[in-house]
């Protein structure tokens, strides 16, 4: 269908701010903002989305990410997407966790309230809110699972190179996205973290 140019600008903004989300999610956000409850006109949507995006370049979101996750999880529920179960090993403890197909580990920490999600939040930091400006959410994929998880893209690998004791199967939790073939995945949390985000001057 034909989409007005300012709505296309919204899609572009959402894609730039939340790179892992699809156009389907962007359309869902637009639909939510145009709903009866929100009542925004097309011309009002782009300025509102810019406001929600906040200072995304330094990880300061003002609500856009929460809306995207809400849309994504509602789509997962209505489309019957699978829940993926995985195990986290952190020091002497291990626990089970779960999330919908299409969610990252960071998404689970931020937007799910299960016992596993709460435990994950205790052991996995993400100082930059998922913009790949730090490596604090590093996880180590069990070698048996690495091929199914997949190798990091170049930008992610650049951050992993600066991580605490990176391993050949390291990934960033904000970039590791669940999919049905990862049912039973095993991930280990490193014993430390390098937070380069602390050294970025914002003033």
N, C-alpha and C. Protein backbone atom coordinates (compact mmCIF):
# COMPACT_ATOMS: atom_id res chain seq x y z
N UNK A 1 0.84 -1.18 0.00
CA UNK A 1 0.00 0.00 0.00
C UNK A 1 0.87 1.23 0.00
N UNK A 2 0.29 2.38 -0.40
CA UNK A 2 1.06 3.61 -0.48
C UNK A 2 1.17 4.25 0.90
N UNK A 3 2.36 4.64 1.26
CA UNK A 3 2.60 5.25 2.56
C UNK A 3 3.10 6.67 2.36
N UNK A 4 2.53 7.62 3.12
CA UNK A 4 2.94 9.02 3.00
C UNK A 4 4.41 9.19 3.34
N UNK A 5 5.04 10.24 2.76
CA UNK A 5 6.48 10.41 2.92
C UNK A 5 6.87 10.62 4.37
N UNK A 6 6.04 11.31 5.16
CA UNK A 6 6.41 11.54 6.55
C UNK A 6 6.32 10.26 7.36
N UNK A 7 5.46 9.33 6.95
CA UNK A 7 5.39 8.03 7.63
C UNK A 7 6.63 7.21 7.28
N UNK A 8 7.09 7.32 6.03
CA UNK A 8 8.33 6.66 5.66
C UNK A 8 9.49 7.21 6.48
N UNK A 9 9.46 8.49 6.78
CA UNK A 9 10.49 9.08 7.63
C UNK A 9 10.46 8.48 9.03
N UNK A 10 9.24 8.18 9.51
CA UNK A 10 9.11 7.52 10.81
C UNK A 10 9.76 6.15 10.76
N UNK A 11 9.46 5.38 9.69
CA UNK A 11 10.04 4.05 9.55
C UNK A 11 11.57 4.14 9.56
N UNK A 12 12.13 5.14 8.84
CA UNK A 12 13.58 5.30 8.77
C UNK A 12 14.15 5.63 10.14
N UNK A 13 13.49 6.52 10.87
CA UNK A 13 13.97 6.90 12.20
C UNK A 13 13.96 5.70 13.13
N UNK A 14 12.88 4.93 13.12
CA UNK A 14 12.78 3.76 13.99
C UNK A 14 13.85 2.74 13.62
N UNK A 15 14.08 2.54 12.32
CA UNK A 15 15.09 1.58 11.89
C UNK A 15 16.48 2.01 12.33
N UNK A 16 16.78 3.32 12.27
CA UNK A 16 18.08 3.81 12.68
C UNK A 16 18.27 3.73 14.19
N UNK A 17 17.19 4.00 14.93
CA UNK A 17 17.28 3.98 16.39
C UNK A 17 17.29 2.54 16.92
N UNK A 18 16.49 1.69 16.33
CA UNK A 18 16.33 0.33 16.82
C UNK A 18 16.61 -0.63 15.69
N UNK A 19 17.87 -0.80 15.39
CA UNK A 19 18.27 -1.47 14.15
C UNK A 19 17.80 -2.91 14.04
N UNK A 20 17.57 -3.57 15.19
CA UNK A 20 17.21 -4.98 15.10
C UNK A 20 15.72 -5.19 14.82
N UNK A 21 14.94 -4.09 14.78
CA UNK A 21 13.51 -4.24 14.57
C UNK A 21 13.16 -4.10 13.09
N UNK A 22 12.14 -4.84 12.68
CA UNK A 22 11.74 -4.89 11.28
C UNK A 22 10.77 -3.76 10.94
N UNK A 23 10.47 -3.62 9.66
CA UNK A 23 9.46 -2.66 9.22
C UNK A 23 8.10 -3.02 9.80
N UNK A 24 7.89 -4.29 10.05
CA UNK A 24 6.64 -4.74 10.67
C UNK A 24 6.46 -4.08 12.04
N UNK A 25 7.54 -4.00 12.81
CA UNK A 25 7.49 -3.36 14.12
C UNK A 25 7.24 -1.87 13.96
N UNK A 26 7.92 -1.24 12.99
CA UNK A 26 7.72 0.19 12.74
C UNK A 26 6.26 0.47 12.38
N UNK A 27 5.68 -0.37 11.54
CA UNK A 27 4.27 -0.18 11.19
C UNK A 27 3.37 -0.35 12.41
N UNK A 28 3.73 -1.29 13.28
CA UNK A 28 2.96 -1.49 14.50
C UNK A 28 3.00 -0.27 15.40
N UNK A 29 4.18 0.37 15.50
CA UNK A 29 4.31 1.59 16.29
C UNK A 29 3.44 2.70 15.72
N UNK A 30 3.50 2.87 14.40
CA UNK A 30 2.69 3.89 13.74
C UNK A 30 1.21 3.62 13.99
N UNK A 31 0.79 2.37 13.85
CA UNK A 31 -0.61 2.01 14.07
C UNK A 31 -1.03 2.31 15.51
N UNK A 32 -0.14 2.00 16.46
CA UNK A 32 -0.45 2.27 17.87
C UNK A 32 -0.61 3.76 18.12
N UNK A 33 0.24 4.57 17.51
CA UNK A 33 0.18 6.01 17.71
C UNK A 33 -1.05 6.63 17.02
N UNK A 34 -1.55 5.96 15.99
CA UNK A 34 -2.73 6.46 15.28
C UNK A 34 -4.03 5.88 15.86
N UNK A 35 -3.89 5.01 16.86
CA UNK A 35 -5.07 4.35 17.42
C UNK A 35 -5.98 5.36 18.11
N UNK A 36 -7.15 4.88 18.45
CA UNK A 36 -8.15 5.76 19.08
C UNK A 36 -7.61 6.36 20.37
N UNK A 37 -6.86 5.55 21.17
CA UNK A 37 -6.36 6.02 22.45
C UNK A 37 -5.32 7.12 22.29
N UNK A 38 -4.40 6.94 21.35
CA UNK A 38 -3.36 7.94 21.15
C UNK A 38 -3.88 9.10 20.31
N UNK A 39 -4.54 8.78 19.22
CA UNK A 39 -5.21 9.77 18.41
C UNK A 39 -4.32 10.74 17.67
N UNK A 40 -3.08 10.35 17.35
CA UNK A 40 -2.19 11.26 16.63
C UNK A 40 -2.51 11.27 15.15
N UNK A 41 -2.42 12.45 14.53
CA UNK A 41 -2.54 12.57 13.09
C UNK A 41 -1.20 12.21 12.45
N UNK A 42 -1.24 11.89 11.15
CA UNK A 42 -0.01 11.51 10.46
C UNK A 42 1.09 12.55 10.63
N UNK A 43 0.74 13.83 10.54
CA UNK A 43 1.74 14.89 10.62
C UNK A 43 2.34 15.03 12.02
N UNK A 44 1.67 14.46 13.02
CA UNK A 44 2.15 14.57 14.40
C UNK A 44 3.06 13.41 14.79
N UNK A 45 3.05 12.35 14.00
CA UNK A 45 3.71 11.12 14.42
C UNK A 45 5.23 11.26 14.42
N UNK A 46 5.81 11.83 13.35
CA UNK A 46 7.27 11.93 13.28
C UNK A 46 7.84 12.76 14.43
N UNK A 47 7.31 13.96 14.74
CA UNK A 47 7.85 14.71 15.89
C UNK A 47 7.71 13.93 17.20
N UNK A 48 6.60 13.20 17.35
CA UNK A 48 6.39 12.45 18.58
C UNK A 48 7.39 11.31 18.70
N UNK A 49 7.65 10.61 17.58
CA UNK A 49 8.61 9.51 17.59
C UNK A 49 10.02 10.03 17.87
N UNK A 50 10.36 11.21 17.31
CA UNK A 50 11.66 11.81 17.61
C UNK A 50 11.79 12.08 19.10
N UNK A 51 10.71 12.55 19.71
CA UNK A 51 10.72 12.80 21.16
C UNK A 51 10.90 11.49 21.93
N UNK A 52 10.21 10.44 21.50
CA UNK A 52 10.33 9.15 22.16
C UNK A 52 11.73 8.56 22.01
N UNK A 53 12.39 8.87 20.89
CA UNK A 53 13.74 8.33 20.65
C UNK A 53 14.75 8.86 21.65
N UNK A 54 14.53 10.05 22.18
CA UNK A 54 15.44 10.61 23.16
C UNK A 54 16.83 10.84 22.58
N UNK A 55 17.82 10.77 23.43
CA UNK A 55 19.22 10.91 22.99
C UNK A 55 19.76 9.50 22.75
N UNK A 56 19.27 8.89 21.69
CA UNK A 56 19.57 7.48 21.44
C UNK A 56 21.06 7.22 21.22
N UNK A 57 21.78 8.23 20.72
CA UNK A 57 23.20 8.03 20.41
C UNK A 57 24.03 7.79 21.67
N UNK A 58 23.50 8.17 22.85
CA UNK A 58 24.20 7.90 24.10
C UNK A 58 23.38 6.96 24.99
N UNK A 59 22.44 6.26 24.37
CA UNK A 59 21.70 5.23 25.08
C UNK A 59 20.57 5.76 25.95
N UNK A 60 20.15 7.02 25.75
CA UNK A 60 19.07 7.59 26.56
C UNK A 60 17.76 7.54 25.76
N UNK A 61 17.02 6.48 25.97
CA UNK A 61 15.74 6.30 25.29
C UNK A 61 14.63 6.95 26.11
N UNK A 62 13.63 7.51 25.43
CA UNK A 62 12.54 8.19 26.13
C UNK A 62 11.20 7.48 25.93
N UNK A 63 11.27 6.21 25.55
CA UNK A 63 10.03 5.44 25.44
C UNK A 63 9.85 4.69 24.14
N UNK A 64 10.67 4.99 23.12
CA UNK A 64 10.51 4.34 21.83
C UNK A 64 10.83 2.85 21.91
N UNK A 65 11.90 2.50 22.64
CA UNK A 65 12.27 1.11 22.72
C UNK A 65 11.21 0.29 23.45
N UNK A 66 10.65 0.85 24.51
CA UNK A 66 9.59 0.15 25.24
C UNK A 66 8.38 -0.08 24.35
N UNK A 67 8.03 0.92 23.55
CA UNK A 67 6.90 0.76 22.63
C UNK A 67 7.19 -0.31 21.59
N UNK A 68 8.42 -0.30 21.05
CA UNK A 68 8.80 -1.30 20.05
C UNK A 68 8.72 -2.71 20.64
N UNK A 69 9.21 -2.87 21.87
CA UNK A 69 9.16 -4.18 22.51
C UNK A 69 7.74 -4.62 22.77
N UNK A 70 6.88 -3.67 23.16
CA UNK A 70 5.48 -3.99 23.40
C UNK A 70 4.81 -4.46 22.12
N UNK A 71 5.08 -3.75 21.02
CA UNK A 71 4.54 -4.15 19.72
C UNK A 71 5.08 -5.52 19.31
N UNK A 72 6.39 -5.71 19.50
CA UNK A 72 7.00 -6.97 19.11
C UNK A 72 6.42 -8.15 19.88
N UNK A 73 6.25 -7.98 21.18
CA UNK A 73 5.73 -9.07 21.99
C UNK A 73 4.25 -9.34 21.69
N UNK A 74 3.50 -8.28 21.39
CA UNK A 74 2.10 -8.49 21.01
C UNK A 74 2.01 -9.23 19.68
N UNK A 75 2.89 -8.87 18.73
CA UNK A 75 2.92 -9.60 17.46
C UNK A 75 3.30 -11.06 17.68
N UNK A 76 4.28 -11.29 18.57
CA UNK A 76 4.68 -12.66 18.88
C UNK A 76 3.52 -13.46 19.47
N UNK A 77 2.76 -12.81 20.36
CA UNK A 77 1.63 -13.50 21.00
C UNK A 77 0.53 -13.81 19.98
N UNK A 78 0.17 -12.80 19.17
CA UNK A 78 -0.94 -12.98 18.24
C UNK A 78 -0.56 -13.88 17.07
N UNK A 79 0.72 -13.90 16.72
CA UNK A 79 1.16 -14.75 15.62
C UNK A 79 1.58 -16.13 16.09
N UNK A 80 1.50 -16.36 17.38
CA UNK A 80 1.84 -17.68 17.92
C UNK A 80 3.32 -18.02 17.81
N UNK A 81 4.19 -17.01 17.95
CA UNK A 81 5.62 -17.29 17.89
C UNK A 81 6.07 -18.13 19.09
N UNK A 82 7.07 -18.93 18.85
CA UNK A 82 7.52 -19.87 19.88
C UNK A 82 8.26 -19.14 21.00
N UNK A 83 8.14 -19.69 22.20
CA UNK A 83 9.02 -19.28 23.29
C UNK A 83 10.25 -20.17 23.26
N UNK A 84 11.41 -19.54 23.40
CA UNK A 84 12.67 -20.26 23.36
C UNK A 84 13.23 -20.33 24.77
N UNK A 85 13.56 -21.54 25.21
CA UNK A 85 14.10 -21.76 26.55
C UNK A 85 15.61 -21.95 26.48
N UNK A 86 16.33 -21.31 27.40
CA UNK A 86 17.78 -21.43 27.39
C UNK A 86 18.30 -21.41 28.83
N UNK A 87 19.56 -21.79 28.99
CA UNK A 87 20.18 -21.88 30.31
C UNK A 87 21.33 -20.89 30.42
N UNK A 88 21.39 -20.19 31.54
CA UNK A 88 22.47 -19.26 31.84
C UNK A 88 23.35 -19.84 32.94
N UNK A 89 24.66 -19.83 32.71
CA UNK A 89 25.63 -20.25 33.71
C UNK A 89 26.42 -19.01 34.13
N UNK A 90 26.38 -18.70 35.42
CA UNK A 90 27.08 -17.52 35.93
C UNK A 90 27.81 -17.91 37.21
N UNK A 91 29.10 -18.11 37.12
CA UNK A 91 29.87 -18.55 38.28
C UNK A 91 29.43 -19.93 38.73
N UNK A 92 29.05 -20.03 39.99
CA UNK A 92 28.63 -21.32 40.54
C UNK A 92 27.13 -21.56 40.42
N UNK A 93 26.42 -20.65 39.77
CA UNK A 93 24.97 -20.80 39.65
C UNK A 93 24.57 -20.97 38.20
N UNK A 94 23.45 -21.60 38.02
CA UNK A 94 22.85 -21.69 36.68
C UNK A 94 21.35 -21.60 36.85
N UNK A 95 20.68 -21.08 35.84
CA UNK A 95 19.23 -20.94 35.91
C UNK A 95 18.64 -20.96 34.50
N UNK A 96 17.37 -21.24 34.43
CA UNK A 96 16.67 -21.30 33.15
C UNK A 96 16.00 -19.96 32.87
N UNK A 97 15.92 -19.65 31.60
CA UNK A 97 15.31 -18.40 31.15
C UNK A 97 14.54 -18.69 29.86
N UNK A 98 13.66 -17.76 29.47
CA UNK A 98 12.91 -17.94 28.24
C UNK A 98 12.56 -16.59 27.64
N UNK A 99 12.30 -16.60 26.35
CA UNK A 99 11.87 -15.39 25.66
C UNK A 99 11.29 -15.75 24.31
N UNK A 100 10.47 -14.86 23.77
CA UNK A 100 9.87 -15.12 22.47
C UNK A 100 10.91 -15.08 21.35
N UNK A 101 10.66 -15.87 20.34
CA UNK A 101 11.42 -15.81 19.10
C UNK A 101 11.49 -14.35 18.63
N UNK A 102 12.71 -13.87 18.36
CA UNK A 102 12.89 -12.51 17.88
C UNK A 102 13.37 -11.53 18.93
N UNK A 103 13.37 -11.94 20.22
CA UNK A 103 13.85 -11.06 21.28
C UNK A 103 15.33 -11.30 21.54
N UNK A 104 16.04 -10.23 21.91
CA UNK A 104 17.44 -10.37 22.33
C UNK A 104 17.48 -10.58 23.84
N UNK A 105 18.66 -10.90 24.35
CA UNK A 105 18.81 -11.04 25.80
C UNK A 105 18.52 -9.72 26.50
N UNK A 106 18.92 -8.62 25.90
CA UNK A 106 18.64 -7.31 26.48
C UNK A 106 17.14 -7.06 26.53
N UNK A 107 16.42 -7.43 25.48
CA UNK A 107 14.97 -7.27 25.47
C UNK A 107 14.33 -8.01 26.64
N UNK A 108 14.81 -9.21 26.89
CA UNK A 108 14.26 -10.03 27.97
C UNK A 108 14.50 -9.36 29.31
N UNK A 109 15.70 -8.82 29.52
CA UNK A 109 16.02 -8.15 30.77
C UNK A 109 15.12 -6.93 30.98
N UNK A 110 14.92 -6.17 29.94
CA UNK A 110 14.22 -4.90 30.07
C UNK A 110 12.71 -5.04 30.14
N UNK A 111 12.16 -6.04 29.47
CA UNK A 111 10.72 -6.03 29.25
C UNK A 111 10.00 -7.30 29.66
N UNK A 112 10.68 -8.22 30.31
CA UNK A 112 9.99 -9.39 30.83
C UNK A 112 10.21 -9.45 32.34
N UNK A 113 9.20 -9.98 33.04
CA UNK A 113 9.27 -9.99 34.50
C UNK A 113 9.26 -11.39 35.08
N UNK A 114 9.62 -12.38 34.29
CA UNK A 114 9.70 -13.74 34.80
C UNK A 114 10.87 -13.87 35.76
N UNK A 115 10.89 -14.95 36.55
CA UNK A 115 11.98 -15.17 37.49
C UNK A 115 13.31 -15.27 36.75
N UNK A 116 13.32 -15.96 35.59
CA UNK A 116 14.54 -16.09 34.81
C UNK A 116 15.04 -14.75 34.31
N UNK A 117 14.13 -13.89 33.87
CA UNK A 117 14.51 -12.56 33.38
C UNK A 117 15.11 -11.73 34.50
N UNK A 118 14.54 -11.84 35.69
CA UNK A 118 15.06 -11.10 36.83
C UNK A 118 16.46 -11.57 37.22
N UNK A 119 16.66 -12.89 37.17
CA UNK A 119 18.00 -13.41 37.46
C UNK A 119 19.00 -12.98 36.40
N UNK A 120 18.56 -12.99 35.15
CA UNK A 120 19.44 -12.56 34.06
C UNK A 120 19.86 -11.11 34.26
N UNK A 121 18.94 -10.27 34.70
CA UNK A 121 19.26 -8.86 34.94
C UNK A 121 20.29 -8.70 36.04
N UNK A 122 20.34 -9.63 36.97
CA UNK A 122 21.30 -9.57 38.07
C UNK A 122 22.73 -9.88 37.62
N UNK A 123 22.86 -10.70 36.58
CA UNK A 123 24.21 -11.16 36.20
C UNK A 123 24.70 -10.58 34.88
N UNK A 124 23.81 -9.95 34.11
CA UNK A 124 24.21 -9.42 32.80
C UNK A 124 23.93 -7.93 32.73
N UNK A 125 24.99 -7.14 32.62
CA UNK A 125 24.85 -5.69 32.51
C UNK A 125 24.78 -5.31 31.04
N UNK A 126 24.14 -4.18 30.76
CA UNK A 126 24.20 -3.61 29.41
C UNK A 126 24.23 -2.10 29.56
N UNK A 127 25.43 -1.58 29.80
CA UNK A 127 25.59 -0.18 30.19
C UNK A 127 25.16 0.80 29.11
N UNK A 128 25.26 0.41 27.85
CA UNK A 128 24.96 1.35 26.76
C UNK A 128 23.55 1.20 26.21
N UNK A 129 22.73 0.36 26.83
CA UNK A 129 21.34 0.16 26.41
C UNK A 129 21.21 -0.42 25.01
N UNK A 130 22.23 -1.15 24.58
CA UNK A 130 22.11 -1.88 23.32
C UNK A 130 22.55 -1.16 22.08
N UNK A 131 23.30 -0.06 22.20
CA UNK A 131 23.76 0.66 21.00
C UNK A 131 25.18 0.26 20.61
N UNK A 132 25.68 -0.81 21.21
CA UNK A 132 27.02 -1.33 20.93
C UNK A 132 28.12 -0.30 21.15
N UNK A 133 28.00 0.42 22.28
CA UNK A 133 29.06 1.35 22.69
C UNK A 133 29.80 0.82 23.90
N UNK A 134 29.52 -0.42 24.29
CA UNK A 134 30.23 -1.06 25.38
C UNK A 134 30.24 -2.56 25.10
N UNK A 135 30.83 -3.32 26.00
CA UNK A 135 30.84 -4.78 25.82
C UNK A 135 30.41 -5.48 27.09
N UNK A 136 29.66 -4.76 27.94
CA UNK A 136 29.29 -5.30 29.25
C UNK A 136 28.30 -6.45 29.18
N UNK A 137 27.59 -6.59 28.06
CA UNK A 137 26.61 -7.67 27.94
C UNK A 137 27.20 -8.90 27.22
N UNK A 138 28.53 -9.01 27.24
CA UNK A 138 29.15 -10.17 26.61
C UNK A 138 28.66 -11.48 27.24
N UNK A 139 28.34 -12.43 26.41
CA UNK A 139 28.04 -13.80 26.85
C UNK A 139 28.90 -14.75 26.03
N UNK A 140 29.16 -15.91 26.59
CA UNK A 140 29.95 -16.91 25.89
C UNK A 140 29.03 -18.06 25.51
N UNK A 141 28.89 -18.28 24.23
CA UNK A 141 28.02 -19.33 23.72
C UNK A 141 28.74 -20.67 23.85
N UNK A 142 28.03 -21.67 24.36
CA UNK A 142 28.62 -23.01 24.43
C UNK A 142 29.03 -23.43 23.02
N UNK A 143 30.23 -23.99 22.86
CA UNK A 143 30.72 -24.34 21.51
C UNK A 143 29.75 -25.19 20.70
N UNK A 144 28.99 -26.05 21.35
CA UNK A 144 28.04 -26.90 20.62
C UNK A 144 26.93 -26.10 19.96
N UNK A 145 26.73 -24.85 20.42
CA UNK A 145 25.62 -24.03 19.92
C UNK A 145 26.07 -22.90 19.01
N UNK A 146 27.37 -22.66 18.92
CA UNK A 146 27.83 -21.44 18.26
C UNK A 146 27.44 -21.38 16.79
N UNK A 147 27.51 -22.49 16.10
CA UNK A 147 27.17 -22.47 14.68
C UNK A 147 25.71 -22.08 14.47
N UNK A 148 24.83 -22.55 15.36
CA UNK A 148 23.41 -22.21 15.24
C UNK A 148 23.13 -20.76 15.65
N UNK A 149 23.90 -20.26 16.61
CA UNK A 149 23.75 -18.86 17.00
C UNK A 149 24.24 -17.94 15.90
N UNK A 150 25.39 -18.27 15.34
CA UNK A 150 25.95 -17.46 14.27
C UNK A 150 27.05 -16.53 14.75
N UNK A 151 27.94 -16.17 13.86
CA UNK A 151 29.05 -15.28 14.18
C UNK A 151 28.59 -13.83 14.23
N UNK A 152 29.29 -13.00 15.00
CA UNK A 152 28.93 -11.58 15.09
C UNK A 152 29.26 -10.84 13.80
N UNK A 153 28.48 -9.77 13.56
CA UNK A 153 28.82 -8.87 12.47
C UNK A 153 30.07 -8.07 12.85
N UNK A 154 30.64 -7.37 11.87
CA UNK A 154 31.91 -6.67 12.09
C UNK A 154 31.83 -5.65 13.23
N UNK A 155 30.74 -4.89 13.29
CA UNK A 155 30.61 -3.86 14.32
C UNK A 155 30.56 -4.50 15.72
N UNK A 156 29.83 -5.61 15.83
CA UNK A 156 29.77 -6.31 17.11
C UNK A 156 31.13 -6.89 17.47
N UNK A 157 31.82 -7.44 16.49
CA UNK A 157 33.14 -8.02 16.75
C UNK A 157 34.12 -6.97 17.23
N UNK A 158 34.01 -5.75 16.71
CA UNK A 158 34.89 -4.67 17.15
C UNK A 158 34.74 -4.43 18.65
N UNK A 159 33.50 -4.49 19.15
CA UNK A 159 33.28 -4.30 20.58
C UNK A 159 33.73 -5.52 21.37
N UNK A 160 33.51 -6.70 20.82
CA UNK A 160 33.95 -7.91 21.51
C UNK A 160 35.46 -7.95 21.68
N UNK A 161 36.17 -7.39 20.72
CA UNK A 161 37.63 -7.35 20.83
C UNK A 161 38.10 -6.55 22.04
N UNK A 162 37.23 -5.66 22.54
CA UNK A 162 37.55 -4.82 23.69
C UNK A 162 36.94 -5.36 24.98
N UNK A 163 36.28 -6.49 24.88
CA UNK A 163 35.57 -7.05 26.04
C UNK A 163 36.54 -7.70 27.03
N UNK A 164 36.01 -8.01 28.21
CA UNK A 164 36.78 -8.72 29.22
C UNK A 164 37.00 -10.16 28.80
N UNK A 165 38.25 -10.54 28.60
CA UNK A 165 38.63 -11.91 28.29
C UNK A 165 37.71 -12.54 27.21
N UNK A 166 37.63 -11.94 26.02
CA UNK A 166 36.74 -12.48 24.98
C UNK A 166 37.17 -13.87 24.53
N UNK A 167 36.18 -14.66 24.20
CA UNK A 167 36.40 -16.03 23.76
C UNK A 167 35.99 -16.18 22.29
N UNK A 168 36.44 -17.25 21.62
CA UNK A 168 36.06 -17.45 20.21
C UNK A 168 34.56 -17.53 19.99
N UNK A 169 33.80 -17.89 21.03
CA UNK A 169 32.35 -18.00 20.86
C UNK A 169 31.60 -16.89 21.60
N UNK A 170 32.28 -15.78 21.86
CA UNK A 170 31.62 -14.65 22.53
C UNK A 170 30.63 -13.96 21.60
N UNK A 171 29.53 -13.48 22.18
CA UNK A 171 28.57 -12.62 21.50
C UNK A 171 28.11 -11.55 22.49
N UNK A 172 27.55 -10.47 21.97
CA UNK A 172 26.94 -9.46 22.81
C UNK A 172 25.48 -9.82 23.03
N UNK A 173 25.04 -9.76 24.28
CA UNK A 173 23.67 -10.13 24.59
C UNK A 173 22.63 -9.26 23.91
N UNK A 174 22.99 -8.00 23.64
CA UNK A 174 22.04 -7.10 22.96
C UNK A 174 21.87 -7.45 21.50
N UNK A 175 22.78 -8.26 20.95
CA UNK A 175 22.72 -8.63 19.53
C UNK A 175 22.35 -10.10 19.33
N UNK A 176 22.37 -10.88 20.39
CA UNK A 176 22.03 -12.30 20.28
C UNK A 176 20.51 -12.42 20.34
N UNK A 177 19.91 -12.78 19.20
CA UNK A 177 18.45 -12.82 19.07
C UNK A 177 17.98 -14.27 19.08
N UNK A 178 16.96 -14.53 19.89
CA UNK A 178 16.44 -15.88 20.01
C UNK A 178 15.71 -16.31 18.75
N UNK A 179 15.78 -17.59 18.45
CA UNK A 179 15.04 -18.20 17.35
C UNK A 179 14.76 -19.64 17.74
N UNK A 180 13.75 -20.27 17.14
CA UNK A 180 13.33 -21.60 17.59
C UNK A 180 14.44 -22.63 17.61
N UNK A 181 15.38 -22.56 16.68
CA UNK A 181 16.45 -23.55 16.63
C UNK A 181 17.44 -23.41 17.78
N UNK A 182 17.27 -22.37 18.62
CA UNK A 182 18.13 -22.20 19.79
C UNK A 182 17.49 -22.73 21.07
N UNK A 183 16.42 -23.48 20.94
CA UNK A 183 15.80 -24.10 22.11
C UNK A 183 16.83 -24.99 22.82
N UNK A 184 17.05 -24.71 24.12
CA UNK A 184 18.05 -25.45 24.89
C UNK A 184 19.43 -24.83 24.91
N UNK A 185 19.59 -23.65 24.30
CA UNK A 185 20.87 -22.94 24.23
C UNK A 185 21.50 -22.78 25.62
N UNK A 186 22.82 -22.88 25.68
CA UNK A 186 23.55 -22.69 26.93
C UNK A 186 24.53 -21.52 26.77
N UNK A 187 24.43 -20.55 27.67
CA UNK A 187 25.27 -19.36 27.64
C UNK A 187 25.97 -19.18 28.99
N UNK A 188 27.22 -18.73 28.95
CA UNK A 188 27.97 -18.46 30.17
C UNK A 188 28.25 -16.97 30.28
N UNK A 189 28.07 -16.44 31.49
CA UNK A 189 28.38 -15.04 31.76
C UNK A 189 29.83 -14.93 32.23
N UNK A 190 30.66 -14.08 31.59
CA UNK A 190 32.05 -13.93 32.04
C UNK A 190 32.14 -13.46 33.48
N UNK A 191 33.29 -13.64 34.08
CA UNK A 191 33.48 -13.27 35.48
C UNK A 191 33.74 -11.79 35.68
N UNK A 192 33.90 -11.04 34.58
CA UNK A 192 34.13 -9.61 34.68
C UNK A 192 33.63 -8.90 33.44
N UNK A 193 33.74 -7.58 33.41
CA UNK A 193 33.29 -6.80 32.25
C UNK A 193 34.13 -5.54 32.11
N UNK A 194 34.44 -5.17 30.87
CA UNK A 194 35.10 -3.90 30.58
C UNK A 194 34.03 -2.92 30.12
N UNK A 195 33.84 -1.85 30.88
CA UNK A 195 32.81 -0.87 30.53
C UNK A 195 33.45 0.37 29.92
N UNK A 196 33.72 0.32 28.62
CA UNK A 196 34.31 1.47 27.92
C UNK A 196 33.35 2.64 27.88
N UNK A 197 32.07 2.38 28.05
CA UNK A 197 31.07 3.43 28.02
C UNK A 197 31.31 4.47 29.12
N UNK A 198 31.96 4.05 30.20
CA UNK A 198 32.25 4.98 31.29
C UNK A 198 33.22 6.08 30.87
N UNK A 199 33.98 5.84 29.81
CA UNK A 199 35.04 6.77 29.43
C UNK A 199 34.67 7.66 28.24
N UNK A 200 33.39 7.60 27.83
CA UNK A 200 32.93 8.45 26.72
C UNK A 200 32.48 9.79 27.28
N UNK A 201 33.07 10.92 26.85
CA UNK A 201 32.65 12.23 27.38
C UNK A 201 31.36 12.70 26.71
N UNK A 202 30.32 12.96 27.52
CA UNK A 202 29.04 13.38 26.97
C UNK A 202 28.80 14.87 27.12
N UNK A 203 29.66 15.55 27.84
CA UNK A 203 29.46 16.99 28.05
C UNK A 203 30.39 17.80 27.16
